[in-house]
Amino acid sequence: MPHERDIFHLQLSVTNACNLQCVHCYREETKAFRDELSVEEMIALFQDFKAFSERLDMDGVVTFGGGEPLLRRDLGLLAKVAHSAGLGVRVISNGVLSAKQAENLADWGIRLVQISVDGATAEVHDRVRGQGMFDRTMEGIRHLVAAGITVNLKATLMKGYNDHQIPEFFALANAAKVPVLSFGRLIPIGAGADLMRLTPEEYRHIYDQISEEAMRSPETRVEFREPGFDRSMAWGRKQDFRSSEGNRHLAIDADGTVYSSRRMGEKIGNIRRSSLDELWQHPLLVTLREGQVKGKCQSCELYAVCKGGSRAAAFASTADPLAEDPDCWFSPARLPVNA
């Protein structure tokens, strides 16, 4: 069999500017940074990233995010240059501007756009993202699909907002003929730090709901990229999961600041001062790669499946990237060695 290579994801914020102010955003502000990366700096970054991912024997994929990436006027140029460098290119958007930009995105070679939908109805979505945003987002999705672009939906689960809408999310995705629906946990950082958090048992109930709905979903499948979703016992099968943080993912902000992921707020350097190879040896990333997770995770019989769950959730709760996953409901049969 031919060697199947892994994918290294680089999440690149092309601007901090955003046209929305969502209640759960991990950012503190929605204005553009004063000194955002220039086109020339991003072109150099694409070349560095291509060589870096090749050295790791992985295929490089750049995901343009923000802020709202469609606010960056030279996004098309950036997409074309990244493609010409041999990188895969994707976009994460709130969808509000997609109706006007769909044909441009297709012309730029964008084949996949992830749209954030945080309510399956206008009432809930607009409560999270602003009045009238649900209708504009759904219009954007329709235009993207019409332009031949694959659209995936991503919902962040929030207590008191959308945690009761699992069936409605599937109905929405199927009606829009969206191939993939994914759910993410709320990581309590930035604007979302003060929101109520779901308990581990509440997460378990929701995961079981997701499992049940997915098994009868005609058009849309669930993609479990979120650490811990594979622990839903209702699935009846193991979902092999390996945390991407420190292994096959980096996030770079619009001012060049580098993170292990944008939901883990620890800064590890700046691309303007260090190469990706140098940043890859940062102690936090080395620690994440070694993966000696603490607490109940170290003796858990499910560790081989989930590798300790979400490092971002652990860090947000304890400031320790190796602490046990705070949202896990599972009780290991054996106690940890240092219990």
C-alpha atoms as a PDB file:
ATOM      1  CA  MET A   1       0.000   0.000   0.000  1.00  0.00           C
ATOM      2  CA  PRO A   2       1.255   3.514  -0.717  1.00  0.00           C
ATOM      3  CA  HIS A   3       2.305   5.562   2.290  1.00  0.00           C
ATOM      4  CA  GLU A   4      -0.613   7.709   3.469  1.00  0.00           C
ATOM      5  CA  ARG A   5       0.679  10.977   4.882  1.00  0.00           C
ATOM      6  CA  ASP A   6      -0.821  12.903   7.747  1.00  0.00           C
ATOM      7  CA  ILE A   7      -2.003  16.503   7.375  1.00  0.00           C
ATOM      8  CA  PHE A   8      -0.484  19.429   9.249  1.00  0.00           C
ATOM      9  CA  HIS A   9      -2.993  22.240   9.755  1.00  0.00           C
ATOM     10  CA  LEU A  10      -1.876  25.838   9.998  1.00  0.00           C
ATOM     11  CA  GLN A  11      -4.688  28.096  11.163  1.00  0.00           C
ATOM     12  CA  LEU A  12      -3.749  31.557   9.958  1.00  0.00           C
ATOM     13  CA  SER A  13      -5.665  34.615  11.052  1.00  0.00           C
ATOM     14  CA  VAL A  14      -5.400  37.016   8.123  1.00  0.00           C
ATOM     15  CA  THR A  15      -6.963  39.841  10.148  1.00  0.00           C
ATOM     16  CA  ASN A  16      -8.208  40.381  13.666  1.00  0.00           C
ATOM     17  CA  ALA A  17     -11.041  42.545  12.342  1.00  0.00           C
ATOM     18  CA  CYS A  18     -14.508  41.040  12.612  1.00  0.00           C
ATOM     19  CA  ASN A  19     -17.973  42.197  11.643  1.00  0.00           C
ATOM     20  CA  LEU A  20     -19.585  40.405  14.617  1.00  0.00           C
ATOM     21  CA  GLN A  21     -19.186  40.391  18.399  1.00  0.00           C
ATOM     22  CA  CYS A  22     -20.105  36.871  19.495  1.00  0.00           C
ATOM     23  CA  VAL A  23     -20.770  36.164  23.152  1.00  0.00           C
ATOM     24  CA  HIS A  24     -18.343  33.207  23.254  1.00  0.00           C
ATOM     25  CA  CYS A  25     -15.462  34.543  21.143  1.00  0.00           C
ATOM     26  CA  TYR A  26     -11.979  33.659  22.353  1.00  0.00           C
ATOM     27  CA  ARG A  27     -10.782  37.131  21.341  1.00  0.00           C
ATOM     28  CA  GLU A  28     -10.942  40.185  23.549  1.00  0.00           C
ATOM     29  CA  GLU A  29     -11.500  42.677  20.704  1.00  0.00           C
ATOM     30  CA  THR A  30     -12.712  42.692  17.109  1.00  0.00           C
ATOM     31  CA  LYS A  31     -10.619  45.497  15.593  1.00  0.00           C
ATOM     32  CA  ALA A  32      -7.744  44.946  13.169  1.00  0.00           C
ATOM     33  CA  PHE A  33      -4.293  44.903  14.735  1.00  0.00           C
ATOM     34  CA  ARG A  34      -2.198  47.981  13.942  1.00  0.00           C
ATOM     35  CA  ASP A  35       0.622  45.888  12.463  1.00  0.00           C
ATOM     36  CA  GLU A  36      -0.912  42.879  10.738  1.00  0.00           C
ATOM     37  CA  LEU A  37       1.199  40.589   8.574  1.00  0.00           C
ATOM     38  CA  SER A  38       1.784  41.972   5.087  1.00  0.00           C
ATOM     39  CA  VAL A  39       1.300  40.063   1.853  1.00  0.00           C
ATOM     40  CA  GLU A  40       5.075  39.679   1.550  1.00  0.00           C
ATOM     41  CA  GLU A  41       5.331  38.266   5.079  1.00  0.00           C
ATOM     42  CA  MET A  42       2.543  35.795   4.412  1.00  0.00           C
ATOM     43  CA  ILE A  43       4.119  34.658   1.151  1.00  0.00           C
ATOM     44  CA  ALA A  44       7.354  33.973   3.047  1.00  0.00           C
ATOM     45  CA  LEU A  45       5.315  32.123   5.686  1.00  0.00           C
ATOM     46  CA  PHE A  46       3.702  29.897   3.035  1.00  0.00           C
ATOM     47  CA  GLN A  47       7.114  28.926   1.709  1.00  0.00           C
ATOM     48  CA  ASP A  48       8.429  28.256   5.222  1.00  0.00           C
ATOM     49  CA  PHE A  49       5.344  26.213   6.091  1.00  0.00           C
ATOM     50  CA  LYS A  50       5.565  24.125   2.936  1.00  0.00           C
ATOM     51  CA  ALA A  51       9.171  23.172   3.701  1.00  0.00           C
ATOM     52  CA  PHE A  52       8.369  22.644   7.388  1.00  0.00           C
ATOM     53  CA  SER A  53       5.459  20.263   6.722  1.00  0.00           C
ATOM     54  CA  GLU A  54       7.549  18.346   4.185  1.00  0.00           C
ATOM     55  CA  ARG A  55      10.273  17.839   6.816  1.00  0.00           C
ATOM     56  CA  LEU A  56       7.613  16.365   9.104  1.00  0.00           C
ATOM     57  CA  ASP A  57       6.451  14.111   6.242  1.00  0.00           C
ATOM     58  CA  MET A  58       3.024  15.742   6.255  1.00  0.00           C
ATOM     59  CA  ASP A  59       0.890  17.564   3.714  1.00  0.00           C
ATOM     60  CA  GLY A  60       0.409  21.213   4.641  1.00  0.00           C
ATOM     61  CA  VAL A  61      -3.044  22.800   4.747  1.00  0.00           C
ATOM     62  CA  VAL A  62      -3.601  26.492   5.505  1.00  0.00           C
ATOM     63  CA  THR A  63      -6.936  27.518   6.959  1.00  0.00           C
ATOM     64  CA  PHE A  64      -7.612  31.236   6.647  1.00  0.00           C
ATOM     65  CA  GLY A  65      -9.460  32.553   9.671  1.00  0.00           C
ATOM     66  CA  GLY A  66      -9.754  35.709  11.700  1.00  0.00           C
ATOM     67  CA  GLY A  67     -11.553  37.747  12.875  1.00  0.00           C
ATOM     68  CA  GLU A  68     -13.480  37.415   9.668  1.00  0.00           C
ATOM     69  CA  PRO A  69     -11.113  36.535   6.796  1.00  0.00           C
ATOM     70  CA  LEU A  70     -13.449  37.870   4.102  1.00  0.00           C
ATOM     71  CA  LEU A  71     -12.732  41.361   5.430  1.00  0.00           C
ATOM     72  CA  ARG A  72      -9.151  41.116   4.143  1.00  0.00           C
ATOM     73  CA  ARG A  73      -9.159  42.650   0.668  1.00  0.00           C
ATOM     74  CA  ASP A  74      -6.182  40.682  -0.641  1.00  0.00           C
ATOM     75  CA  LEU A  75      -7.511  37.295   0.519  1.00  0.00           C
ATOM     76  CA  GLY A  76      -7.777  36.139  -3.095  1.00  0.00           C
ATOM     77  CA  LEU A  77      -4.113  36.862  -3.737  1.00  0.00           C
ATOM     78  CA  LEU A  78      -3.140  35.025  -0.546  1.00  0.00           C
ATOM     79  CA  ALA A  79      -5.221  31.999  -1.534  1.00  0.00           C
ATOM     80  CA  LYS A  80      -3.698  31.824  -5.008  1.00  0.00           C
ATOM     81  CA  VAL A  81      -0.146  32.150  -3.686  1.00  0.00           C
ATOM     82  CA  ALA A  82      -0.738  29.443  -1.067  1.00  0.00           C
ATOM     83  CA  HIS A  83      -2.125  27.150  -3.772  1.00  0.00           C
ATOM     84  CA  SER A  84       0.860  27.840  -5.999  1.00  0.00           C
ATOM     85  CA  ALA A  85       3.150  26.886  -3.101  1.00  0.00           C
ATOM     86  CA  GLY A  86       1.526  23.454  -3.058  1.00  0.00           C
ATOM     87  CA  LEU A  87      -0.597  23.960   0.051  1.00  0.00           C
ATOM     88  CA  GLY A  88      -4.208  23.065   0.609  1.00  0.00           C
ATOM     89  CA  VAL A  89      -6.362  26.112   1.357  1.00  0.00           C
ATOM     90  CA  ARG A  90      -9.540  26.360   3.417  1.00  0.00           C
ATOM     91  CA  VAL A  91     -11.537  29.173   4.994  1.00  0.00           C
ATOM     92  CA  ILE A  92     -13.326  29.562   8.342  1.00  0.00           C
ATOM     93  CA  SER A  93     -16.019  32.240   8.187  1.00  0.00           C
ATOM     94  CA  ASN A  94     -19.137  33.434   9.960  1.00  0.00           C
ATOM     95  CA  GLY A  95     -20.858  33.357   6.565  1.00  0.00           C
ATOM     96  CA  VAL A  96     -22.337  36.842   6.735  1.00  0.00           C
ATOM     97  CA  LEU A  97     -20.323  38.131   3.752  1.00  0.00           C
ATOM     98  CA  SER A  98     -20.366  34.853   1.810  1.00  0.00           C
ATOM     99  CA  ALA A  99     -23.341  35.695  -0.384  1.00  0.00           C
ATOM    100  CA  LYS A 100     -21.348  38.481  -2.080  1.00  0.00           C
ATOM    101  CA  GLN A 101     -18.025  36.618  -2.077  1.00  0.00           C
ATOM    102  CA  ALA A 102     -19.022  33.065  -3.027  1.00  0.00           C
ATOM    103  CA  GLU A 103     -18.081  33.308  -6.706  1.00  0.00           C
ATOM    104  CA  ASN A 104     -14.798  35.019  -5.810  1.00  0.00           C
ATOM    105  CA  LEU A 105     -13.931  32.246  -3.362  1.00  0.00           C
ATOM    106  CA  ALA A 106     -14.559  29.657  -6.069  1.00  0.00           C
ATOM    107  CA  ASP A 107     -12.391  31.607  -8.530  1.00  0.00           C
ATOM    108  CA  TRP A 108      -9.599  31.725  -5.928  1.00  0.00           C
ATOM    109  CA  GLY A 109      -9.577  27.937  -5.727  1.00  0.00           C
ATOM    110  CA  ILE A 110     -11.305  27.632  -2.351  1.00  0.00           C
ATOM    111  CA  ARG A 111     -13.144  24.307  -2.258  1.00  0.00           C
ATOM    112  CA  LEU A 112     -14.036  24.072   1.442  1.00  0.00           C
ATOM    113  CA  VAL A 113     -15.480  26.701   3.776  1.00  0.00           C
ATOM    114  CA  GLN A 114     -16.383  26.057   7.401  1.00  0.00           C
ATOM    115  CA  ILE A 115     -19.267  28.220   8.568  1.00  0.00           C
ATOM    116  CA  SER A 116     -19.951  28.825  12.250  1.00  0.00           C
ATOM    117  CA  VAL A 117     -23.620  28.335  13.115  1.00  0.00           C
ATOM    118  CA  ASP A 118     -24.250  28.617  16.847  1.00  0.00           C
ATOM    119  CA  GLY A 119     -28.013  28.287  16.793  1.00  0.00           C
ATOM    120  CA  ALA A 120     -30.240  26.046  14.696  1.00  0.00           C
ATOM    121  CA  THR A 121     -32.880  28.790  14.681  1.00  0.00           C
ATOM    122  CA  ALA A 122     -32.691  32.535  14.154  1.00  0.00           C
ATOM    123  CA  GLU A 123     -33.692  33.174  17.768  1.00  0.00           C
ATOM    124  CA  VAL A 124     -30.726  31.257  19.213  1.00  0.00           C
ATOM    125  CA  HIS A 125     -28.102  32.080  16.574  1.00  0.00           C
ATOM    126  CA  ASP A 126     -28.883  35.806  16.700  1.00  0.00           C
ATOM    127  CA  ARG A 127     -28.693  35.751  20.492  1.00  0.00           C
ATOM    128  CA  VAL A 128     -25.088  34.559  20.130  1.00  0.00           C
ATOM    129  CA  ARG A 129     -24.009  36.470  17.011  1.00  0.00           C
ATOM    130  CA  GLY A 130     -26.301  39.479  16.574  1.00  0.00           C
ATOM    131  CA  GLN A 131     -29.715  40.411  15.238  1.00  0.00           C
ATOM    132  CA  GLY A 132     -30.394  39.259  11.672  1.00  0.00           C
ATOM    133  CA  MET A 133     -27.181  37.240  11.380  1.00  0.00           C
ATOM    134  CA  PHE A 134     -28.885  33.853  11.045  1.00  0.00           C
ATOM    135  CA  ASP A 135     -30.711  34.802   7.840  1.00  0.00           C
ATOM    136  CA  ARG A 136     -27.579  36.366   6.348  1.00  0.00           C
ATOM    137  CA  THR A 137     -25.489  33.313   7.254  1.00  0.00           C
ATOM    138  CA  MET A 138     -27.955  30.879   5.723  1.00  0.00           C
ATOM    139  CA  GLU A 139     -28.084  33.044   2.570  1.00  0.00           C
ATOM    140  CA  GLY A 140     -24.293  32.900   2.450  1.00  0.00           C
ATOM    141  CA  ILE A 141     -24.351  29.111   2.733  1.00  0.00           C
ATOM    142  CA  ARG A 142     -26.797  28.861  -0.179  1.00  0.00           C
ATOM    143  CA  HIS A 143     -24.554  31.009  -2.377  1.00  0.00           C
ATOM    144  CA  LEU A 144     -21.444  28.998  -1.464  1.00  0.00           C
ATOM    145  CA  VAL A 145     -23.158  25.714  -2.324  1.00  0.00           C
ATOM    146  CA  ALA A 146     -24.425  27.197  -5.609  1.00  0.00           C
ATOM    147  CA  ALA A 147     -20.833  28.210  -6.442  1.00  0.00           C
ATOM    148  CA  GLY A 148     -19.699  24.596  -6.048  1.00  0.00           C
ATOM    149  CA  ILE A 149     -17.969  25.058  -2.697  1.00  0.00           C
ATOM    150  CA  THR A 150     -18.298  22.406  -0.013  1.00  0.00           C
ATOM    151  CA  VAL A 151     -19.689  23.875   3.193  1.00  0.00           C
ATOM    152  CA  ASN A 152     -19.201  22.336   6.626  1.00  0.00           C
ATOM    153  CA  LEU A 153     -21.059  23.617   9.675  1.00  0.00           C
ATOM    154  CA  LYS A 154     -19.465  24.076  13.115  1.00  0.00           C
ATOM    155  CA  ALA A 155     -21.458  24.733  16.278  1.00  0.00           C
ATOM    156  CA  THR A 156     -19.966  25.567  19.660  1.00  0.00           C
ATOM    157  CA  LEU A 157     -22.046  23.982  22.429  1.00  0.00           C
ATOM    158  CA  MET A 158     -23.111  26.575  24.998  1.00  0.00           C
ATOM    159  CA  LYS A 159     -25.144  26.005  28.119  1.00  0.00           C
ATOM    160  CA  GLY A 160     -28.358  27.989  28.140  1.00  0.00           C
ATOM    161  CA  TYR A 161     -28.024  28.839  24.464  1.00  0.00           C
ATOM    162  CA  ASN A 162     -27.994  25.883  22.054  1.00  0.00           C
ATOM    163  CA  ASP A 163     -27.441  22.774  24.201  1.00  0.00           C
ATOM    164  CA  HIS A 164     -31.087  21.750  23.651  1.00  0.00           C
ATOM    165  CA  GLN A 165     -30.949  22.032  19.843  1.00  0.00           C
ATOM    166  CA  ILE A 166     -29.121  18.869  18.714  1.00  0.00           C
ATOM    167  CA  PRO A 167     -32.042  17.503  16.607  1.00  0.00           C
ATOM    168  CA  GLU A 168     -32.614  20.957  15.134  1.00  0.00           C
ATOM    169  CA  PHE A 169     -28.941  21.280  14.126  1.00  0.00           C
ATOM    170  CA  PHE A 170     -29.160  18.021  12.191  1.00  0.00           C
ATOM    171  CA  ALA A 171     -32.424  19.082  10.554  1.00  0.00           C
ATOM    172  CA  LEU A 172     -30.832  22.386   9.520  1.00  0.00           C
ATOM    173  CA  ALA A 173     -27.718  20.719   8.091  1.00  0.00           C
ATOM    174  CA  ASN A 174     -29.686  18.099   6.189  1.00  0.00           C
ATOM    175  CA  ALA A 175     -32.062  20.674   4.726  1.00  0.00           C
ATOM    176  CA  ALA A 176     -29.069  22.701   3.512  1.00  0.00           C
ATOM    177  CA  LYS A 177     -27.482  19.486   2.123  1.00  0.00           C
ATOM    178  CA  VAL A 178     -24.342  20.128   4.129  1.00  0.00           C
ATOM    179  CA  PRO A 179     -22.074  17.043   4.185  1.00  0.00           C
ATOM    180  CA  VAL A 180     -20.443  17.596   7.592  1.00  0.00           C
ATOM    181  CA  LEU A 181     -21.707  18.950  10.898  1.00  0.00           C
ATOM    182  CA  SER A 182     -19.266  19.262  13.789  1.00  0.00           C
ATOM    183  CA  PHE A 183     -19.692  20.369  17.368  1.00  0.00           C
ATOM    184  CA  GLY A 184     -17.088  22.019  19.560  1.00  0.00           C
ATOM    185  CA  ARG A 185     -16.849  22.513  23.282  1.00  0.00           C
ATOM    186  CA  LEU A 186     -16.819  25.986  24.751  1.00  0.00           C
ATOM    187  CA  ILE A 187     -13.306  26.761  25.959  1.00  0.00           C
ATOM    188  CA  PRO A 188     -13.657  29.453  28.649  1.00  0.00           C
ATOM    189  CA  ILE A 189     -11.242  32.080  27.379  1.00  0.00           C
ATOM    190  CA  GLY A 190     -11.695  35.571  25.959  1.00  0.00           C
ATOM    191  CA  ALA A 191     -15.276  36.803  25.818  1.00  0.00           C
ATOM    192  CA  GLY A 192     -16.517  33.287  26.612  1.00  0.00           C
ATOM    193  CA  ALA A 193     -14.747  33.068  29.972  1.00  0.00           C
ATOM    194  CA  ASP A 194     -17.826  34.218  31.890  1.00  0.00           C
ATOM    195  CA  LEU A 195     -20.368  31.926  30.223  1.00  0.00           C
ATOM    196  CA  MET A 196     -21.905  28.995  32.067  1.00  0.00           C
ATOM    197  CA  ARG A 197     -20.178  25.682  31.351  1.00  0.00           C
ATOM    198  CA  LEU A 198     -21.789  22.330  30.710  1.00  0.00           C
ATOM    199  CA  THR A 199     -21.014  19.684  33.305  1.00  0.00           C
ATOM    200  CA  PRO A 200     -19.365  16.389  32.298  1.00  0.00           C
ATOM    201  CA  GLU A 201     -22.694  14.551  32.657  1.00  0.00           C
ATOM    202  CA  GLU A 202     -24.451  17.183  30.545  1.00  0.00           C
ATOM    203  CA  TYR A 203     -21.790  16.686  27.865  1.00  0.00           C
ATOM    204  CA  ARG A 204     -22.352  12.934  27.994  1.00  0.00           C
ATOM    205  CA  HIS A 205     -26.083  13.410  27.450  1.00  0.00           C
ATOM    206  CA  ILE A 206     -25.432  15.722  24.496  1.00  0.00           C
ATOM    207  CA  TYR A 207     -22.891  13.344  22.925  1.00  0.00           C
ATOM    208  CA  ASP A 208     -25.403  10.513  23.133  1.00  0.00           C
ATOM    209  CA  GLN A 209     -27.970  12.745  21.435  1.00  0.00           C
ATOM    210  CA  ILE A 210     -25.456  13.539  18.684  1.00  0.00           C
ATOM    211  CA  SER A 211     -24.800   9.827  18.245  1.00  0.00           C
ATOM    212  CA  GLU A 212     -28.486   8.998  17.933  1.00  0.00           C
ATOM    213  CA  GLU A 213     -29.171  11.802  15.453  1.00  0.00           C
ATOM    214  CA  ALA A 214     -26.095  10.976  13.362  1.00  0.00           C
ATOM    215  CA  MET A 215     -27.178   7.365  12.885  1.00  0.00           C
ATOM    216  CA  ARG A 216     -30.411   8.472  11.198  1.00  0.00           C
ATOM    217  CA  SER A 217     -29.073  11.526   9.358  1.00  0.00           C
ATOM    218  CA  PRO A 218     -29.649  11.102   5.572  1.00  0.00           C
ATOM    219  CA  GLU A 219     -27.394  13.818   4.117  1.00  0.00           C
ATOM    220  CA  THR A 220     -25.078  14.980   6.883  1.00  0.00           C
ATOM    221  CA  ARG A 221     -22.465  13.085   8.855  1.00  0.00           C
ATOM    222  CA  VAL A 222     -20.804  14.118  12.090  1.00  0.00           C
ATOM    223  CA  GLU A 223     -17.091  14.756  12.122  1.00  0.00           C
ATOM    224  CA  PHE A 224     -15.567  14.279  15.565  1.00  0.00           C
ATOM    225  CA  ARG A 225     -12.580  16.585  15.656  1.00  0.00           C
ATOM    226  CA  GLU A 226     -13.245  17.694  19.211  1.00  0.00           C
ATOM    227  CA  PRO A 227     -11.264  15.848  21.905  1.00  0.00           C
ATOM    228  CA  GLY A 228     -13.552  13.738  24.025  1.00  0.00           C
ATOM    229  CA  PHE A 229     -16.418  13.200  21.612  1.00  0.00           C
ATOM    230  CA  ASP A 230     -15.027   9.720  20.997  1.00  0.00           C
ATOM    231  CA  ARG A 231     -15.859   8.822  24.599  1.00  0.00           C
ATOM    232  CA  SER A 232     -19.580   8.695  23.853  1.00  0.00           C
ATOM    233  CA  MET A 233     -20.392   5.098  24.724  1.00  0.00           C
ATOM    234  CA  ALA A 234     -23.434   5.128  22.431  1.00  0.00           C
ATOM    235  CA  TRP A 235     -21.202   4.972  19.368  1.00  0.00           C
ATOM    236  CA  GLY A 236     -20.292   1.374  20.116  1.00  0.00           C
ATOM    237  CA  ARG A 237     -16.899   1.732  18.475  1.00  0.00           C
ATOM    238  CA  LYS A 238     -13.618   3.390  19.227  1.00  0.00           C
ATOM    239  CA  GLN A 239     -12.890   6.688  17.555  1.00  0.00           C
ATOM    240  CA  ASP A 240      -9.136   6.960  17.234  1.00  0.00           C
ATOM    241  CA  PHE A 241      -8.254  10.437  18.400  1.00  0.00           C
ATOM    242  CA  ARG A 242      -4.946  12.198  18.760  1.00  0.00           C
ATOM    243  CA  SER A 243      -4.823  15.775  19.965  1.00  0.00           C
ATOM    244  CA  SER A 244      -3.534  17.982  17.165  1.00  0.00           C
ATOM    245  CA  GLU A 245      -1.962  20.484  19.580  1.00  0.00           C
ATOM    246  CA  GLY A 246       1.783  19.986  19.494  1.00  0.00           C
ATOM    247  CA  ASN A 247       1.440  17.215  16.923  1.00  0.00           C
ATOM    248  CA  ARG A 248      -0.023  18.501  13.674  1.00  0.00           C
ATOM    249  CA  HIS A 249      -1.428  21.957  14.286  1.00  0.00           C
ATOM    250  CA  LEU A 250      -0.271  25.517  14.863  1.00  0.00           C
ATOM    251  CA  ALA A 251      -2.194  28.784  14.960  1.00  0.00           C
ATOM    252  CA  ILE A 252      -0.747  32.120  13.872  1.00  0.00           C
ATOM    253  CA  ASP A 253      -2.471  35.394  14.641  1.00  0.00           C
ATOM    254  CA  ALA A 254      -2.651  38.328  12.252  1.00  0.00           C
ATOM    255  CA  ASP A 255       0.261  40.033  14.010  1.00  0.00           C
ATOM    256  CA  GLY A 256       2.461  36.920  13.754  1.00  0.00           C
ATOM    257  CA  THR A 257       1.907  35.619  17.299  1.00  0.00           C
ATOM    258  CA  VAL A 258       2.040  31.815  17.379  1.00  0.00           C
ATOM    259  CA  TYR A 259      -0.070  29.484  19.545  1.00  0.00           C
ATOM    260  CA  SER A 260      -0.297  25.703  19.843  1.00  0.00           C
ATOM    261  CA  SER A 261      -3.957  26.293  18.990  1.00  0.00           C
ATOM    262  CA  ARG A 262      -6.000  29.467  19.115  1.00  0.00           C
ATOM    263  CA  ARG A 263      -8.122  28.061  21.908  1.00  0.00           C
ATOM    264  CA  MET A 264      -5.033  27.612  24.100  1.00  0.00           C
ATOM    265  CA  GLY A 265      -4.028  31.161  24.942  1.00  0.00           C
ATOM    266  CA  GLU A 266      -0.355  30.543  25.755  1.00  0.00           C
ATOM    267  CA  LYS A 267       1.874  32.445  23.323  1.00  0.00           C
ATOM    268  CA  ILE A 268       4.874  30.477  22.085  1.00  0.00           C
ATOM    269  CA  GLY A 269       6.568  33.123  19.961  1.00  0.00           C
ATOM    270  CA  ASN A 270       6.212  35.211  16.827  1.00  0.00           C
ATOM    271  CA  ILE A 271       6.770  34.205  13.222  1.00  0.00           C
ATOM    272  CA  ARG A 272       8.463  37.563  12.587  1.00  0.00           C
ATOM    273  CA  ARG A 273      11.293  36.597  14.934  1.00  0.00           C
ATOM    274  CA  SER A 274      11.491  32.797  14.708  1.00  0.00           C
ATOM    275  CA  SER A 275      11.158  30.132  12.034  1.00  0.00           C
ATOM    276  CA  LEU A 276       8.571  27.378  12.287  1.00  0.00           C
ATOM    277  CA  ASP A 277      11.356  24.884  12.992  1.00  0.00           C
ATOM    278  CA  GLU A 278      12.522  26.971  15.953  1.00  0.00           C
ATOM    279  CA  LEU A 279       8.988  27.470  17.261  1.00  0.00           C
ATOM    280  CA  TRP A 280       8.295  23.737  16.965  1.00  0.00           C
ATOM    281  CA  GLN A 281      10.853  23.117  19.704  1.00  0.00           C
ATOM    282  CA  HIS A 282       9.097  25.405  22.199  1.00  0.00           C
ATOM    283  CA  PRO A 283       8.831  23.672  25.622  1.00  0.00           C
ATOM    284  CA  LEU A 284       5.006  23.763  25.559  1.00  0.00           C
ATOM    285  CA  LEU A 285       4.855  21.965  22.208  1.00  0.00           C
ATOM    286  CA  VAL A 286       7.473  19.432  23.288  1.00  0.00           C
ATOM    287  CA  THR A 287       5.445  18.807  26.460  1.00  0.00           C
ATOM    288  CA  LEU A 288       2.272  18.298  24.435  1.00  0.00           C
ATOM    289  CA  ARG A 289       4.038  15.869  22.096  1.00  0.00           C
ATOM    290  CA  GLU A 290       5.363  13.836  25.008  1.00  0.00           C
ATOM    291  CA  GLY A 291       1.779  13.681  26.276  1.00  0.00           C
ATOM    292  CA  GLN A 292       2.280  12.540  29.869  1.00  0.00           C
ATOM    293  CA  VAL A 293      -1.237  13.519  30.924  1.00  0.00           C
ATOM    294  CA  LYS A 294      -1.899  13.756  34.662  1.00  0.00           C
ATOM    295  CA  GLY A 295      -4.765  12.888  36.977  1.00  0.00           C
ATOM    296  CA  LYS A 296      -7.203  10.113  36.211  1.00  0.00           C
ATOM    297  CA  CYS A 297      -6.206  10.164  32.527  1.00  0.00           C
ATOM    298  CA  GLN A 298      -2.827   8.528  33.217  1.00  0.00           C
ATOM    299  CA  SER A 299      -4.392   5.236  34.346  1.00  0.00           C
ATOM    300  CA  CYS A 300      -7.581   5.300  32.264  1.00  0.00           C
ATOM    301  CA  GLU A 301      -8.339   2.337  30.026  1.00  0.00           C
ATOM    302  CA  LEU A 302      -9.666   4.744  27.380  1.00  0.00           C
ATOM    303  CA  TYR A 303      -6.437   6.732  27.134  1.00  0.00           C
ATOM    304  CA  ALA A 304      -5.439   4.827  23.986  1.00  0.00           C
ATOM    305  CA  VAL A 305      -8.632   6.121  22.374  1.00  0.00           C
ATOM    306  CA  CYS A 306      -8.752   9.799  23.371  1.00  0.00           C
ATOM    307  CA  LYS A 307      -5.144  10.504  24.494  1.00  0.00           C
ATOM    308  CA  GLY A 308      -6.434  12.495  27.450  1.00  0.00           C
ATOM    309  CA  GLY A 309      -9.024  14.611  25.636  1.00  0.00           C
ATOM    310  CA  SER A 310      -8.776  18.363  25.242  1.00  0.00           C
ATOM    311  CA  ARG A 311      -5.526  20.027  26.229  1.00  0.00           C
ATOM    312  CA  ALA A 312      -7.087  23.448  25.618  1.00  0.00           C
ATOM    313  CA  ALA A 313      -9.898  22.707  28.088  1.00  0.00           C
ATOM    314  CA  ALA A 314      -7.384  21.479  30.657  1.00  0.00           C
ATOM    315  CA  PHE A 315      -5.209  24.567  30.229  1.00  0.00           C
ATOM    316  CA  ALA A 316      -8.158  26.970  30.440  1.00  0.00           C
ATOM    317  CA  SER A 317      -9.318  25.362  33.690  1.00  0.00           C
ATOM    318  CA  THR A 318      -5.996  24.777  35.450  1.00  0.00           C
ATOM    319  CA  ALA A 319      -3.210  26.607  33.518  1.00  0.00           C
ATOM    320  CA  ASP A 320      -1.637  23.136  33.178  1.00  0.00           C
ATOM    321  CA  PRO A 321      -1.690  21.724  29.611  1.00  0.00           C
ATOM    322  CA  LEU A 322      -1.225  18.190  30.978  1.00  0.00           C
ATOM    323  CA  ALA A 323      -4.030  18.255  33.560  1.00  0.00           C
ATOM    324  CA  GLU A 324      -6.892  15.795  33.150  1.00  0.00           C
ATOM    325  CA  ASP A 325      -9.736  16.824  30.870  1.00  0.00           C
ATOM    326  CA  PRO A 326     -12.188  18.753  33.101  1.00  0.00           C
ATOM    327  CA  ASP A 327     -15.201  17.800  30.978  1.00  0.00           C
ATOM    328  CA  CYS A 328     -14.709  14.025  31.068  1.00  0.00           C
ATOM    329  CA  TRP A 329     -17.381  12.023  32.898  1.00  0.00           C
ATOM    330  CA  PHE A 330     -15.654   8.648  32.636  1.00  0.00           C
ATOM    331  CA  SER A 331     -14.350   6.988  35.819  1.00  0.00           C
ATOM    332  CA  PRO A 332     -11.327   4.742  35.200  1.00  0.00           C
ATOM    333  CA  ALA A 333     -11.358   1.265  36.716  1.00  0.00           C
ATOM    334  CA  ARG A 334      -7.944   1.959  38.233  1.00  0.00           C
ATOM    335  CA  LEU A 335      -6.940   4.997  40.243  1.00  0.00           C
ATOM    336  CA  PRO A 336      -3.944   7.059  39.066  1.00  0.00           C
ATOM    337  CA  VAL A 337      -0.595   6.176  40.603  1.00  0.00           C
ATOM    338  CA  ASN A 338      -0.304   9.483  42.463  1.00  0.00           C
ATOM    339  CA  ALA A 339      -3.948   9.585  43.624  1.00  0.00           C
END
